[in-house]
Amino acid sequence: MKIPYFPGCSLKSDAAHFEQSAIEFCKAIGVELVELPNWNCCGTVHSLTTDDIMHHLACFRNLIHAQELGKELGTNKLITLCAMCYNTLAQVNELAKRKPDDLKTANEFIDDLPDYEAKVEVLHLLTFLNNYVSFEKIAKVVKGRLNGLKVAPYYGCLLVRPEHVKIDDRERPVLLSKLLNLMGAKTVEFPYAVECCGSYHTVNLKEAVVEKTYTIINNARENGAEAIVLSCPLCEFNLDKRQRDVKAAYPTFEPMPVFYFTELLALAGGKKINVNAHYVSPENVLAKYKL
């Protein structure tokens, strides 16, 4: 099965290990992620201004590339990995389907590509695995290899908000836990699973993000977790790389490793991951569970 795939900027730089582990795991279940030709940045943050079509054009261009590649591959689906990219693409796609006048205006702006027909289905990889691959098929590959690794699934904001693009329940999502349990991990519930990580405040309000990270990780540990699992490069930066600043502010703070969920899928599928891509090394935790 070949599916159009939008990587986004971070997955070609700091989050390359997110992409690599996803591609490897998808191959193991018979899915080939086919990167969109000529893709551009998703635009990063969805504009909430109702007549701000200009700020949606980056997404429209990517959706057109997905539409054309999908025609070659015989599918209308587009897969993303980054929660930010998913949210931005899905919101613009929903706008195109709901407001034909805005779609017409966008198509008039983009005169070097075919018109967007608003038939693409934007999917986060978690949704694709759940709805189109089935967890039963995944179970045959991962075989419970995580050996009871205790993890806290962290969704952040963008996978569960707003309502029209959420992939799971806004307050008590379970999709990531189901997948992790399938891999043999023990998931812990903690109240900060859908809390914002601080997002781009990490640039100009670093101290606020440090406090967020300190609170989220300590709470995950208090609830029994030994690692956090997520699906967003910006959340990963704030919860992993910012632990350096947390340690400086709170000398008794105990670091906690942070994984992309695809890294654990790759591990559970018998593959190696790039532990050097992590600020907080996961090697001790992995060794404890013979991974």
Foldseek 3Di string as FASTA:
>chain_A
DEAEEEEADCCVDLVVLLVVLQQVLCVVLPYHHDYQPPQDHQLQDADPPPLPLVSRLSLQVVQLSRCVVCVVVVHQEYEYQALSSLLSNQVVLVVVVVPVVSQVVSQVVPVPGDRRPSRHDYYYVLLCCPPPRNLVSLLVQLVLLQQAAEEEEAEEARCADDPVRHSAHQQDGCSLVVNCVSNNYHYFDFRRRHHHLCFPVCPVVVVVSLVSLLVVVVRSVVRPHQEYEYGHPRSLCSNFVSVVVNCVVPVVDDHGYYYYSSCSSSVSSVHHGDQVSTNPRCVVSCVVSVD
